[in-house]
């Protein structure tokens, strides 16, 4: 039976690889590869170069994780990806050329001459939006008209916060974008922690649960 925390990490990873062009994910157990997710992967056409490791596209991964989450909400308890009881998967992310996977969960991908910085959270968008708006209202305007945006995925029930920017990697402008996203990530994490303490529930939100590779 997969834990709420592990399923929460899978929900975030599935949403990000589906939302951010070129981002890839690997699911492992004790360091051994279990599933590879990314552009060009397909569950119906395994890659012989991966030695029998299962593969799937970002769309297939999102659909599978979203279905698993719905089954959990319906009260089912089951083994995800055929894992034995008590065995938890590890998830790592890999960025395309020009992208970056940061410790803490905020990642960059290049898109049509610009860059997207984004992170995901299991906080419902109805709670995430006012927290983000409150922060943005008191924040200095980002250069070049960049804006913080939120996107809700109804299948995985994950909120994605992102900024599409023209700021080149390593610039002061990029640092301002990251500072805003870091602050929002911290705010959302605190909100989820307080909510989990009040209800005794495990929200599953752990920004460090996905690793770089």
Protein backbone atom coordinates (compact mmCIF):
# COMPACT_ATOMS: atom_id res chain seq x y z
CA UNK A 1 0.00 0.00 0.00
CA UNK A 2 1.48 3.34 -1.01
CA UNK A 3 1.56 6.09 1.61
CA UNK A 4 -0.18 9.45 1.19
CA UNK A 5 3.22 11.16 1.22
CA UNK A 6 4.59 9.03 -1.62
CA UNK A 7 1.42 9.41 -3.65
CA UNK A 8 1.58 13.17 -3.08
CA UNK A 9 5.12 13.25 -4.46
CA UNK A 10 4.03 11.18 -7.46
CA UNK A 11 1.11 13.56 -8.07
CA UNK A 12 3.43 16.56 -8.11
CA UNK A 13 5.99 14.84 -10.35
CA UNK A 14 3.33 13.64 -12.79
CA UNK A 15 1.84 17.12 -13.04
CA UNK A 16 5.20 18.79 -13.62
CA UNK A 17 6.41 16.40 -16.34
CA UNK A 18 3.06 16.88 -18.06
CA UNK A 19 3.17 20.69 -17.72
CA UNK A 20 6.85 21.51 -18.37
CA UNK A 21 8.12 20.65 -21.87
CA UNK A 22 11.08 18.28 -21.86
CA UNK A 23 11.06 17.50 -18.13
CA UNK A 24 11.60 13.79 -17.40
CA UNK A 25 10.96 11.64 -14.35
CA UNK A 26 12.35 8.39 -13.01
CA UNK A 27 10.66 6.20 -10.39
CA UNK A 28 13.04 3.98 -8.42
CA UNK A 29 13.05 1.59 -5.49
CA UNK A 30 16.24 1.35 -3.43
CA UNK A 31 18.05 2.98 -6.34
CA UNK A 32 16.85 0.45 -8.92
CA UNK A 33 14.90 1.91 -11.87
CA UNK A 34 11.23 0.98 -11.98
CA UNK A 35 9.75 3.44 -14.49
CA UNK A 36 11.11 6.08 -16.88
CA UNK A 37 8.82 8.93 -17.95
CA UNK A 38 9.47 11.48 -20.66
CA UNK A 39 8.89 12.73 -24.19
CA UNK A 40 9.13 9.91 -26.71
CA UNK A 41 8.45 7.25 -24.08
CA UNK A 42 5.40 5.04 -24.49
CA UNK A 43 3.99 2.24 -22.35
CA UNK A 44 3.02 0.39 -25.52
CA UNK A 45 6.51 0.64 -27.05
CA UNK A 46 9.18 -0.19 -24.41
CA UNK A 47 12.69 1.09 -25.06
CA UNK A 48 15.03 -1.93 -25.47
CA UNK A 49 17.95 0.30 -24.51
CA UNK A 50 16.59 0.55 -20.96
CA UNK A 51 16.99 -3.16 -20.25
CA UNK A 52 13.35 -3.97 -19.62
CA UNK A 53 12.57 -0.96 -17.42
CA UNK A 54 8.98 0.14 -17.94
CA UNK A 55 8.42 3.43 -19.76
CA UNK A 56 5.53 5.80 -20.36
CA UNK A 57 4.77 9.23 -21.73
CA UNK A 58 4.04 12.24 -19.48
CA UNK A 59 0.34 11.96 -20.44
CA UNK A 60 0.22 8.27 -19.50
CA UNK A 61 2.01 8.92 -16.20
CA UNK A 62 -0.36 11.74 -15.27
CA UNK A 63 -3.39 9.60 -16.10
CA UNK A 64 -2.13 6.64 -14.03
CA UNK A 65 -1.24 8.77 -11.01
CA UNK A 66 -4.48 10.74 -11.22
CA UNK A 67 -6.47 7.49 -11.33
CA UNK A 68 -4.55 6.15 -8.33
CA UNK A 69 -5.27 9.35 -6.40
CA UNK A 70 -8.99 9.10 -7.16
CA UNK A 71 -9.05 5.48 -5.97
CA UNK A 72 -7.42 6.61 -2.73
CA UNK A 73 -10.04 9.35 -2.29
CA UNK A 74 -12.70 6.66 -2.78
CA UNK A 75 -11.24 4.75 0.17
CA UNK A 76 -9.28 2.07 -1.67
CA UNK A 77 -5.88 0.90 -0.50
CA UNK A 78 -3.71 -0.74 -3.12
CA UNK A 79 -0.19 -1.36 -4.37
CA UNK A 80 1.01 1.21 -6.91
CA UNK A 81 3.28 -0.06 -9.71
CA UNK A 82 3.18 -3.51 -8.13
CA UNK A 83 5.27 -2.51 -5.11
CA UNK A 84 5.07 -4.69 -1.99
CA UNK A 85 3.50 -3.30 1.17
CA UNK A 86 5.81 -0.85 2.93
CA UNK A 87 8.08 -0.27 -0.08
CA UNK A 88 8.01 3.40 -1.06
CA UNK A 89 9.11 4.69 -4.49
CA UNK A 90 11.75 7.37 -4.99
CA UNK A 91 11.11 10.00 -7.67
CA UNK A 92 13.79 12.00 -9.42
CA UNK A 93 13.48 14.61 -12.15
CA UNK A 94 15.78 15.51 -15.04
CA UNK A 95 15.64 18.75 -17.01
CA UNK A 96 16.18 19.17 -20.76
CA UNK A 97 19.20 21.03 -22.16
CA UNK A 98 19.07 24.61 -20.89
CA UNK A 99 16.85 23.61 -17.99
CA UNK A 100 17.57 23.06 -14.32
CA UNK A 101 16.16 20.88 -11.54
CA UNK A 102 16.78 22.58 -8.19
CA UNK A 103 16.80 21.05 -4.74
CA UNK A 104 13.63 22.26 -3.07
CA UNK A 105 11.35 21.57 -6.01
CA UNK A 106 11.52 24.68 -8.24
CA UNK A 107 12.58 23.83 -11.78
CA UNK A 108 13.42 25.60 -15.06
CA UNK A 109 12.76 24.54 -18.65
CA UNK A 110 13.46 26.50 -21.87
CA UNK A 111 10.42 27.22 -24.04
CA UNK A 112 10.63 29.07 -27.39
CA UNK A 113 13.46 31.40 -26.45
CA UNK A 114 12.16 32.02 -22.93
CA UNK A 115 12.25 30.09 -19.66
CA UNK A 116 9.58 28.71 -17.39
CA UNK A 117 10.27 28.44 -13.68
CA UNK A 118 7.71 26.31 -11.85
CA UNK A 119 6.90 24.12 -8.88
CA UNK A 120 3.92 22.00 -7.87
CA UNK A 121 2.04 21.57 -4.62
CA UNK A 122 -0.85 19.39 -3.43
CA UNK A 123 -2.51 22.43 -1.85
CA UNK A 124 -5.91 23.01 -3.49
CA UNK A 125 -5.95 26.02 -5.79
CA UNK A 126 -8.81 27.59 -3.80
CA UNK A 127 -6.43 27.79 -0.83
CA UNK A 128 -3.28 28.42 -2.86
CA UNK A 129 -4.64 31.37 -4.85
CA UNK A 130 -5.35 33.79 -1.97
CA UNK A 131 -2.00 32.96 -0.39
CA UNK A 132 -0.28 33.69 -3.69
CA UNK A 133 -2.28 36.86 -4.29
CA UNK A 134 -1.45 38.17 -0.83
CA UNK A 135 2.25 37.61 -1.46
CA UNK A 136 2.19 39.07 -4.98
CA UNK A 137 0.32 42.20 -3.84
CA UNK A 138 3.14 43.10 -1.48
CA UNK A 139 5.94 42.12 -3.85
CA UNK A 140 7.82 44.54 -6.14
CA UNK A 141 6.93 44.12 -9.81
CA UNK A 142 9.13 41.64 -11.63
CA UNK A 143 11.22 43.10 -14.47
CA UNK A 144 10.03 42.90 -18.09
CA UNK A 145 6.41 42.41 -17.08
CA UNK A 146 6.91 38.83 -15.84
CA UNK A 147 3.98 37.62 -13.75
CA UNK A 148 3.33 34.84 -11.29
CA UNK A 149 0.60 32.49 -12.54
CA UNK A 150 -1.18 29.47 -11.09
CA UNK A 151 -2.53 26.43 -12.91
CA UNK A 152 -4.80 23.79 -11.36
CA UNK A 153 -4.72 20.19 -12.56
CA UNK A 154 -8.11 18.65 -11.74
CA UNK A 155 -6.93 15.10 -12.42
CA UNK A 156 -3.93 15.00 -10.08
CA UNK A 157 -5.33 17.78 -7.87
CA UNK A 158 -2.05 19.66 -7.90
CA UNK A 159 -1.54 23.42 -8.13
CA UNK A 160 1.39 24.57 -10.28
CA UNK A 161 2.92 28.00 -9.70
CA UNK A 162 5.03 29.31 -12.56
CA UNK A 163 6.65 32.37 -14.09
CA UNK A 164 7.39 32.59 -17.81
CA UNK A 165 10.40 34.87 -18.12
CA UNK A 166 12.89 36.27 -20.60
CA UNK A 167 15.52 36.42 -17.84
CA UNK A 168 18.66 34.57 -18.87
CA UNK A 169 20.09 31.99 -16.46
CA UNK A 170 22.39 33.46 -13.84
CA UNK A 171 21.11 37.05 -14.13
CA UNK A 172 19.80 39.33 -11.39
CA UNK A 173 16.40 39.27 -13.10
CA UNK A 174 16.27 35.49 -12.79
CA UNK A 175 17.24 35.76 -9.12
CA UNK A 176 14.21 38.01 -8.53
CA UNK A 177 11.92 35.43 -10.12
CA UNK A 178 13.39 32.69 -7.94
CA UNK A 179 13.08 34.77 -4.79
CA UNK A 180 9.35 35.20 -5.41
CA UNK A 181 8.80 31.49 -6.13
CA UNK A 182 10.90 30.46 -3.11
CA UNK A 183 8.77 32.70 -0.89
CA UNK A 184 5.54 31.30 -2.28
CA UNK A 185 6.75 27.71 -1.90
CA UNK A 186 7.62 28.37 1.74
CA UNK A 187 4.24 30.00 2.37
CA UNK A 188 2.31 27.11 0.85
CA UNK A 189 4.41 24.55 2.74
CA UNK A 190 3.72 26.24 6.08
CA UNK A 191 0.00 26.40 5.30
CA UNK A 192 -0.09 22.68 4.52
CA UNK A 193 1.92 21.81 7.61
CA UNK A 194 -0.44 23.74 9.89
CA UNK A 195 -3.47 22.16 8.20
CA UNK A 196 -2.01 18.66 8.61
CA UNK A 197 -1.32 19.27 12.31
CA UNK A 198 -4.89 20.45 12.82
CA UNK A 199 -6.46 17.47 11.03
CA UNK A 200 -3.85 14.81 11.74
CA UNK A 201 -3.62 14.12 8.01
CA UNK A 202 -0.53 13.57 5.91
CA UNK A 203 -0.82 16.08 3.06
CA UNK A 204 1.93 14.45 1.04
CA UNK A 205 3.57 17.78 0.18
CA UNK A 206 7.34 17.47 0.41
CA UNK A 207 9.22 19.80 -1.95
CA UNK A 208 12.42 17.79 -1.48
CA UNK A 209 10.81 14.43 -2.29
CA UNK A 210 11.87 14.68 -5.92
CA UNK A 211 15.59 14.57 -6.58
CA UNK A 212 17.83 15.80 -9.36
CA UNK A 213 19.56 13.52 -11.79
